[in-house]
C-alpha atoms as a PDB file:
ATOM      1  CA  MET A   1     -32.404  61.038 -85.108  1.00  0.00           C
ATOM      2  CA  ASN A   2     -28.922  60.889 -84.445  1.00  0.00           C
ATOM      3  CA  ASP A   3     -27.406  60.003 -87.631  1.00  0.00           C
ATOM      4  CA  SER A   4     -23.782  59.978 -85.604  1.00  0.00           C
ATOM      5  CA  VAL A   5     -25.138  56.406 -84.079  1.00  0.00           C
ATOM      6  CA  ASN A   6     -24.454  53.264 -86.355  1.00  0.00           C
ATOM      7  CA  TRP A   7     -24.881  49.893 -84.065  1.00  0.00           C
ATOM      8  CA  THR A   8     -24.995  47.909 -87.654  1.00  0.00           C
ATOM      9  CA  ASN A   9     -21.359  47.268 -88.059  1.00  0.00           C
ATOM     10  CA  ASN A  10     -19.879  47.452 -84.330  1.00  0.00           C
ATOM     11  CA  ALA A  11     -19.287  43.412 -84.021  1.00  0.00           C
ATOM     12  CA  HIS A  12     -16.915  43.908 -87.332  1.00  0.00           C
ATOM     13  CA  GLY A  13     -13.455  42.433 -86.221  1.00  0.00           C
ATOM     14  CA  HIS A  14     -14.565  41.858 -82.385  1.00  0.00           C
ATOM     15  CA  LYS A  15     -15.535  38.884 -80.398  1.00  0.00           C
ATOM     16  CA  PHE A  16     -19.556  39.530 -79.139  1.00  0.00           C
ATOM     17  CA  ILE A  17     -22.036  37.844 -77.008  1.00  0.00           C
ATOM     18  CA  ALA A  18     -25.132  37.604 -78.821  1.00  0.00           C
ATOM     19  CA  SER A  19     -28.856  37.972 -77.499  1.00  0.00           C
ATOM     20  CA  PHE A  20     -30.402  34.915 -78.723  1.00  0.00           C
ATOM     21  CA  SER A  21     -34.596  34.196 -78.847  1.00  0.00           C
ATOM     22  CA  GLY A  22     -34.020  31.250 -81.322  1.00  0.00           C
ATOM     23  CA  GLY A  23     -36.091  33.112 -83.607  1.00  0.00           C
ATOM     24  CA  LYS A  24     -35.646  34.261 -87.145  1.00  0.00           C
ATOM     25  CA  ASP A  25     -33.885  37.872 -85.965  1.00  0.00           C
ATOM     26  CA  SER A  26     -31.536  36.880 -83.684  1.00  0.00           C
ATOM     27  CA  VAL A  27     -30.588  33.897 -85.904  1.00  0.00           C
ATOM     28  CA  LEU A  28     -29.753  36.732 -89.090  1.00  0.00           C
ATOM     29  CA  ALA A  29     -27.980  38.692 -86.757  1.00  0.00           C
ATOM     30  CA  LEU A  30     -25.890  36.110 -85.302  1.00  0.00           C
ATOM     31  CA  TYR A  31     -24.836  34.860 -88.688  1.00  0.00           C
ATOM     32  CA  LYS A  32     -24.189  38.515 -90.020  1.00  0.00           C
ATOM     33  CA  SER A  33     -22.203  38.798 -86.567  1.00  0.00           C
ATOM     34  CA  MET A  34     -20.309  35.420 -87.208  1.00  0.00           C
ATOM     35  CA  LYS A  35     -19.125  36.601 -90.960  1.00  0.00           C
ATOM     36  CA  VAL A  36     -17.459  39.514 -89.295  1.00  0.00           C
ATOM     37  CA  GLY A  37     -16.735  38.974 -85.823  1.00  0.00           C
ATOM     38  CA  GLU A  38     -15.778  36.226 -83.399  1.00  0.00           C
ATOM     39  CA  PRO A  39     -18.836  34.655 -81.390  1.00  0.00           C
ATOM     40  CA  VAL A  40     -18.208  33.659 -77.556  1.00  0.00           C
ATOM     41  CA  GLY A  41     -21.856  32.527 -76.650  1.00  0.00           C
ATOM     42  CA  LEU A  42     -25.425  32.990 -76.516  1.00  0.00           C
ATOM     43  CA  ILE A  43     -27.327  35.191 -74.108  1.00  0.00           C
ATOM     44  CA  VAL A  44     -30.963  33.383 -73.270  1.00  0.00           C
ATOM     45  CA  MET A  45     -33.149  34.998 -70.376  1.00  0.00           C
ATOM     46  CA  LEU A  46     -35.467  32.264 -69.106  1.00  0.00           C
ATOM     47  CA  GLU A  47     -38.955  32.905 -66.960  1.00  0.00           C
ATOM     48  CA  GLU A  48     -38.498  32.649 -63.290  1.00  0.00           C
ATOM     49  CA  GLU A  49     -39.122  28.874 -63.256  1.00  0.00           C
ATOM     50  CA  GLY A  50     -36.554  28.386 -65.441  1.00  0.00           C
ATOM     51  CA  LYS A  51     -38.725  26.154 -67.713  1.00  0.00           C
ATOM     52  CA  ARG A  52     -39.180  28.566 -70.793  1.00  0.00           C
ATOM     53  CA  SER A  53     -37.226  31.214 -72.274  1.00  0.00           C
ATOM     54  CA  ARG A  54     -38.370  34.773 -71.325  1.00  0.00           C
ATOM     55  CA  SER A  55     -38.954  35.713 -75.425  1.00  0.00           C
ATOM     56  CA  HIS A  56     -40.121  33.490 -77.224  1.00  0.00           C
ATOM     57  CA  GLY A  57     -41.507  30.814 -74.407  1.00  0.00           C
ATOM     58  CA  MET A  58     -38.881  27.993 -75.690  1.00  0.00           C
ATOM     59  CA  PRO A  59     -37.690  24.913 -73.585  1.00  0.00           C
ATOM     60  CA  PRO A  60     -34.370  24.984 -72.593  1.00  0.00           C
ATOM     61  CA  GLU A  61     -33.472  21.544 -74.046  1.00  0.00           C
ATOM     62  CA  LEU A  62     -34.775  22.933 -77.188  1.00  0.00           C
ATOM     63  CA  ILE A  63     -32.267  26.407 -76.744  1.00  0.00           C
ATOM     64  CA  ARG A  64     -29.528  24.128 -75.842  1.00  0.00           C
ATOM     65  CA  ALA A  65     -30.183  21.724 -79.212  1.00  0.00           C
ATOM     66  CA  GLN A  66     -29.983  25.031 -81.103  1.00  0.00           C
ATOM     67  CA  ALA A  67     -26.936  26.286 -79.609  1.00  0.00           C
ATOM     68  CA  GLU A  68     -25.262  23.215 -79.804  1.00  0.00           C
ATOM     69  CA  SER A  69     -25.695  22.868 -83.367  1.00  0.00           C
ATOM     70  CA  ILE A  70     -24.198  26.002 -83.637  1.00  0.00           C
ATOM     71  CA  GLY A  71     -21.748  25.268 -81.689  1.00  0.00           C
ATOM     72  CA  LEU A  72     -21.499  27.724 -78.925  1.00  0.00           C
ATOM     73  CA  PRO A  73     -22.392  28.103 -75.567  1.00  0.00           C
ATOM     74  CA  VAL A  74     -25.357  29.475 -73.476  1.00  0.00           C
ATOM     75  CA  TYR A  75     -25.213  32.142 -70.906  1.00  0.00           C
ATOM     76  CA  THR A  76     -28.460  31.775 -69.437  1.00  0.00           C
ATOM     77  CA  ALA A  77     -30.300  32.430 -66.154  1.00  0.00           C
ATOM     78  CA  PRO A  78     -34.033  32.708 -64.961  1.00  0.00           C
ATOM     79  CA  ALA A  79     -35.412  36.029 -63.712  1.00  0.00           C
ATOM     80  CA  SER A  80     -38.536  37.777 -63.709  1.00  0.00           C
ATOM     81  CA  TRP A  81     -39.413  41.651 -65.103  1.00  0.00           C
ATOM     82  CA  ASP A  82     -38.051  43.311 -62.112  1.00  0.00           C
ATOM     83  CA  ASP A  83     -35.107  41.932 -61.932  1.00  0.00           C
ATOM     84  CA  TYR A  84     -34.081  41.307 -65.602  1.00  0.00           C
ATOM     85  CA  GLU A  85     -31.810  43.716 -66.076  1.00  0.00           C
ATOM     86  CA  GLY A  86     -29.366  42.987 -62.983  1.00  0.00           C
ATOM     87  CA  VAL A  87     -29.408  39.650 -63.998  1.00  0.00           C
ATOM     88  CA  PHE A  88     -28.757  40.550 -67.488  1.00  0.00           C
ATOM     89  CA  MET A  89     -26.239  42.344 -66.485  1.00  0.00           C
ATOM     90  CA  ARG A  90     -24.294  39.434 -64.786  1.00  0.00           C
ATOM     91  CA  LEU A  91     -24.468  37.463 -67.689  1.00  0.00           C
ATOM     92  CA  LEU A  92     -22.856  40.296 -69.846  1.00  0.00           C
ATOM     93  CA  GLU A  93     -20.098  40.342 -67.227  1.00  0.00           C
ATOM     94  CA  GLN A  94     -19.483  36.832 -67.901  1.00  0.00           C
ATOM     95  CA  ALA A  95     -19.423  36.854 -71.353  1.00  0.00           C
ATOM     96  CA  LYS A  96     -17.220  40.147 -71.174  1.00  0.00           C
ATOM     97  CA  GLY A  97     -14.658  37.732 -69.091  1.00  0.00           C
ATOM     98  CA  GLN A  98     -14.741  35.618 -71.851  1.00  0.00           C
ATOM     99  CA  GLY A  99     -13.399  38.483 -74.364  1.00  0.00           C
ATOM    100  CA  ALA A 100     -16.920  39.544 -75.558  1.00  0.00           C
ATOM    101  CA  GLU A 101     -16.574  43.415 -76.516  1.00  0.00           C
ATOM    102  CA  VAL A 102     -19.795  43.878 -78.492  1.00  0.00           C
ATOM    103  CA  LEU A 103     -23.717  42.546 -77.348  1.00  0.00           C
ATOM    104  CA  VAL A 104     -25.222  41.588 -80.476  1.00  0.00           C
ATOM    105  CA  THR A 105     -29.423  41.707 -81.044  1.00  0.00           C
ATOM    106  CA  GLY A 106     -31.552  40.812 -83.511  1.00  0.00           C
ATOM    107  CA  ASP A 107     -33.547  44.350 -83.478  1.00  0.00           C
ATOM    108  CA  LEU A 108     -34.758  46.128 -86.452  1.00  0.00           C
ATOM    109  CA  ASP A 109     -36.057  49.440 -85.225  1.00  0.00           C
ATOM    110  CA  MET A 110     -35.018  50.113 -82.104  1.00  0.00           C
ATOM    111  CA  PRO A 111     -34.760  54.010 -81.722  1.00  0.00           C
ATOM    112  CA  VAL A 112     -31.678  55.790 -80.901  1.00  0.00           C
ATOM    113  CA  GLU A 113     -33.066  57.429 -78.085  1.00  0.00           C
ATOM    114  CA  GLY A 114     -33.796  55.433 -74.879  1.00  0.00           C
ATOM    115  CA  CYS A 115     -32.648  51.956 -76.141  1.00  0.00           C
ATOM    116  CA  TRP A 116     -32.462  49.574 -73.572  1.00  0.00           C
ATOM    117  CA  HIS A 117     -29.712  47.588 -74.950  1.00  0.00           C
ATOM    118  CA  ASP A 118     -27.459  50.731 -75.509  1.00  0.00           C
ATOM    119  CA  LYS A 119     -27.639  51.822 -71.973  1.00  0.00           C
ATOM    120  CA  VAL A 120     -26.620  48.100 -70.365  1.00  0.00           C
ATOM    121  CA  THR A 121     -24.100  47.617 -72.432  1.00  0.00           C
ATOM    122  CA  GLN A 122     -22.586  50.826 -72.070  1.00  0.00           C
ATOM    123  CA  ASN A 123     -22.739  49.897 -68.377  1.00  0.00           C
ATOM    124  CA  ALA A 124     -20.975  46.746 -69.161  1.00  0.00           C
ATOM    125  CA  GLY A 125     -18.519  48.693 -70.953  1.00  0.00           C
ATOM    126  CA  LEU A 126     -19.606  46.804 -74.399  1.00  0.00           C
ATOM    127  CA  LYS A 127     -20.391  48.261 -77.451  1.00  0.00           C
ATOM    128  CA  LEU A 128     -23.960  47.255 -79.272  1.00  0.00           C
ATOM    129  CA  GLY A 129     -24.273  45.402 -82.379  1.00  0.00           C
ATOM    130  CA  MET A 130     -27.437  45.446 -84.484  1.00  0.00           C
ATOM    131  CA  PRO A 131     -26.742  43.916 -87.962  1.00  0.00           C
ATOM    132  CA  LEU A 132     -30.209  44.184 -88.892  1.00  0.00           C
ATOM    133  CA  TRP A 133     -30.862  47.604 -87.721  1.00  0.00           C
ATOM    134  CA  ARG A 134     -32.891  49.773 -89.859  1.00  0.00           C
ATOM    135  CA  MET A 135     -32.910  46.822 -92.575  1.00  0.00           C
ATOM    136  CA  ASP A 136     -36.365  46.633 -94.501  1.00  0.00           C
ATOM    137  CA  HIS A 137     -38.313  43.777 -93.098  1.00  0.00           C
ATOM    138  CA  ALA A 138     -39.100  42.339 -96.249  1.00  0.00           C
ATOM    139  CA  GLU A 139     -36.017  42.165 -97.572  1.00  0.00           C
ATOM    140  CA  ALA A 140     -35.045  40.914 -94.095  1.00  0.00           C
ATOM    141  CA  VAL A 141     -37.053  38.183 -94.810  1.00  0.00           C
ATOM    142  CA  LYS A 142     -36.240  37.454 -98.180  1.00  0.00           C
ATOM    143  CA  GLU A 143     -32.534  37.201 -97.211  1.00  0.00           C
ATOM    144  CA  PHE A 144     -33.112  35.006 -94.184  1.00  0.00           C
ATOM    145  CA  ILE A 145     -35.276  32.735 -96.346  1.00  0.00           C
ATOM    146  CA  ASP A 146     -32.473  32.677 -99.548  1.00  0.00           C
ATOM    147  CA  LEU A 147     -29.581  31.888 -96.809  1.00  0.00           C
ATOM    148  CA  GLY A 148     -31.534  28.704 -96.257  1.00  0.00           C
ATOM    149  CA  PHE A 149     -32.578  29.360 -93.197  1.00  0.00           C
ATOM    150  CA  VAL A 150     -35.629  26.816 -91.859  1.00  0.00           C
ATOM    151  CA  SER A 151     -38.149  28.561 -89.480  1.00  0.00           C
ATOM    152  CA  ILE A 152     -41.372  27.329 -88.255  1.00  0.00           C
ATOM    153  CA  LEU A 153     -44.351  29.654 -86.440  1.00  0.00           C
ATOM    154  CA  VAL A 154     -44.768  28.856 -82.889  1.00  0.00           C
ATOM    155  CA  THR A 155     -46.693  31.839 -81.532  1.00  0.00           C
ATOM    156  CA  VAL A 156     -49.536  34.413 -83.226  1.00  0.00           C
ATOM    157  CA  ASN A 157     -51.337  37.017 -81.866  1.00  0.00           C
ATOM    158  CA  ILE A 158     -55.183  36.368 -83.208  1.00  0.00           C
ATOM    159  CA  SER A 159     -56.127  40.002 -82.660  1.00  0.00           C
ATOM    160  CA  LEU A 160     -53.233  41.168 -85.064  1.00  0.00           C
ATOM    161  CA  GLY A 161     -54.479  39.188 -87.920  1.00  0.00           C
ATOM    162  CA  MET A 162     -52.826  36.077 -87.386  1.00  0.00           C
ATOM    163  CA  LYS A 163     -55.008  32.492 -87.269  1.00  0.00           C
ATOM    164  CA  GLU A 164     -54.534  29.344 -85.721  1.00  0.00           C
ATOM    165  CA  GLU A 165     -53.830  27.944 -89.035  1.00  0.00           C
ATOM    166  CA  ASP A 166     -50.519  29.667 -89.308  1.00  0.00           C
ATOM    167  CA  LEU A 167     -49.164  28.048 -86.161  1.00  0.00           C
ATOM    168  CA  GLY A 168     -46.475  25.583 -87.446  1.00  0.00           C
ATOM    169  CA  ARG A 169     -45.976  26.693 -90.989  1.00  0.00           C
ATOM    170  CA  THR A 170     -42.632  27.319 -92.256  1.00  0.00           C
ATOM    171  CA  LEU A 171     -41.436  30.848 -93.591  1.00  0.00           C
ATOM    172  CA  THR A 172     -41.453  30.669 -97.165  1.00  0.00           C
ATOM    173  CA  HIS A 173     -41.087  33.315 -99.866  1.00  0.00           C
ATOM    174  CA  ALA A 174     -45.018  32.488-100.635  1.00  0.00           C
ATOM    175  CA  TYR A 175     -45.806  32.230 -97.405  1.00  0.00           C
ATOM    176  CA  VAL A 176     -44.308  35.375 -96.645  1.00  0.00           C
ATOM    177  CA  LYS A 177     -46.650  36.960 -99.515  1.00  0.00           C
ATOM    178  CA  GLU A 178     -49.538  35.637 -98.228  1.00  0.00           C
ATOM    179  CA  LEU A 179     -48.737  37.489 -94.698  1.00  0.00           C
ATOM    180  CA  GLN A 180     -48.410  41.012 -96.403  1.00  0.00           C
ATOM    181  CA  ALA A 181     -51.607  40.453 -98.549  1.00  0.00           C
ATOM    182  CA  ARG A 182     -52.946  40.109 -95.220  1.00  0.00           C
ATOM    183  CA  GLY A 183     -51.363  43.469 -94.098  1.00  0.00           C
ATOM    184  CA  ILE A 184     -49.225  41.309 -91.562  1.00  0.00           C
ATOM    185  CA  ASP A 185     -45.632  42.839 -91.495  1.00  0.00           C
ATOM    186  CA  PRO A 186     -43.759  39.861 -92.475  1.00  0.00           C
ATOM    187  CA  CYS A 187     -40.973  40.224 -89.526  1.00  0.00           C
ATOM    188  CA  GLY A 188     -44.023  40.126 -87.338  1.00  0.00           C
ATOM    189  CA  GLU A 189     -42.337  43.457 -85.541  1.00  0.00           C
ATOM    190  CA  GLY A 190     -45.684  44.303 -84.424  1.00  0.00           C
ATOM    191  CA  GLY A 191     -45.830  41.106 -82.299  1.00  0.00           C
ATOM    192  CA  GLU A 192     -47.511  39.325 -84.716  1.00  0.00           C
ATOM    193  CA  PHE A 193     -46.106  35.992 -84.534  1.00  0.00           C
ATOM    194  CA  HIS A 194     -42.805  34.490 -83.731  1.00  0.00           C
ATOM    195  CA  THR A 195     -40.593  31.704 -85.102  1.00  0.00           C
ATOM    196  CA  THR A 196     -38.259  29.261 -84.145  1.00  0.00           C
ATOM    197  CA  VAL A 197     -35.192  28.338 -86.162  1.00  0.00           C
ATOM    198  CA  ILE A 198     -34.453  24.540 -86.862  1.00  0.00           C
ATOM    199  CA  ASP A 199     -31.956  24.560 -89.699  1.00  0.00           C
ATOM    200  CA  GLY A 200     -29.624  26.945 -91.711  1.00  0.00           C
ATOM    201  CA  PRO A 201     -26.132  27.466 -92.887  1.00  0.00           C
ATOM    202  CA  ILE A 202     -24.692  28.003 -89.359  1.00  0.00           C
ATOM    203  CA  PHE A 203     -26.400  24.697 -88.237  1.00  0.00           C
ATOM    204  CA  SER A 204     -24.138  21.823 -87.996  1.00  0.00           C
ATOM    205  CA  HIS A 205     -27.634  19.787 -88.306  1.00  0.00           C
ATOM    206  CA  ALA A 206     -31.315  20.315 -87.811  1.00  0.00           C
ATOM    207  CA  ILE A 207     -33.322  20.159 -84.942  1.00  0.00           C
ATOM    208  CA  PRO A 208     -35.239  17.438 -84.675  1.00  0.00           C
ATOM    209  CA  VAL A 209     -38.907  18.810 -83.736  1.00  0.00           C
ATOM    210  CA  ARG A 210     -42.010  17.469 -82.847  1.00  0.00           C
ATOM    211  CA  LYS A 211     -45.192  19.601 -82.731  1.00  0.00           C
ATOM    212  CA  GLY A 212     -47.446  19.983 -79.723  1.00  0.00           C
ATOM    213  CA  SER A 213     -51.120  20.902 -79.027  1.00  0.00           C
ATOM    214  CA  ILE A 214     -51.998  24.321 -79.525  1.00  0.00           C
ATOM    215  CA  LEU A 215     -52.708  26.486 -76.613  1.00  0.00           C
ATOM    216  CA  ARG A 216     -54.599  29.485 -76.093  1.00  0.00           C
ATOM    217  CA  ASN A 217     -53.928  32.465 -73.824  1.00  0.00           C
ATOM    218  CA  GLY A 218     -55.970  35.630 -74.469  1.00  0.00           C
ATOM    219  CA  ASP A 219     -55.405  36.715 -77.875  1.00  0.00           C
ATOM    220  CA  TYR A 220     -52.141  34.309 -78.184  1.00  0.00           C
ATOM    221  CA  ALA A 221     -52.009  30.924 -79.602  1.00  0.00           C
ATOM    222  CA  PHE A 222     -49.136  28.766 -79.064  1.00  0.00           C
ATOM    223  CA  MET A 223     -47.628  25.647 -80.751  1.00  0.00           C
ATOM    224  CA  PRO A 224     -45.057  24.148 -78.396  1.00  0.00           C
ATOM    225  CA  LEU A 225     -42.015  23.036 -80.163  1.00  0.00           C
ATOM    226  CA  GLU A 226     -40.190  19.735 -78.104  1.00  0.00           C
ATOM    227  CA  LEU A 227     -37.043  17.956 -79.066  1.00  0.00           C
ATOM    228  CA  GLN A 228     -37.941  14.373 -80.854  1.00  0.00           C
ATOM    229  CA  GLY A 229     -36.863  11.682 -78.733  1.00  0.00           C
ATOM    230  CA  THR A 230     -37.096  13.813 -75.115  1.00  0.00           C
END
């Protein structure tokens, strides 16, 4: 491992664009970066049809509600996996034009060698900032909850120890202990689950959501969240 690489503090004193899924890790990374740097916006990649986010399957109106509550513009575009990198690079260039010097992501376990985000940021002339990099997973979740963020489980992988009953639950210290007792990574880094954050210290107001009906697709179960009043 190359110990000369340190991505954790690169947002310090710089303008940055944050890769945003709407989930707990990207929100915690954004929070930490906002403490030391200046955000210019959020990057959210959409699926080809533009109806859901590529990472967490969130509807664009919910992402916009999160961004509005946080007070940041959204840089977004639809993309297939084939043209994903090119579209992402174009969004980075737009953000760079608004003064961004760093791309912030919420990754914890990214390897130094072959890091995709490192490659695209270098190609765009930006630095890479990962404030959660190499954090202990339990500590990251504990900090997230202690800060007062509220997140709801919206996707679970049944084959990795999760259950449909986990959908719609809020991350609390007690629930994290329950997940650990079941042998599940408290950050869901193995793809066990995804969350949507609806409130916290960088939100001016909570996002009003209603829980949809559970959907199944292979090993995955989903609970769509929709904005109340839409």
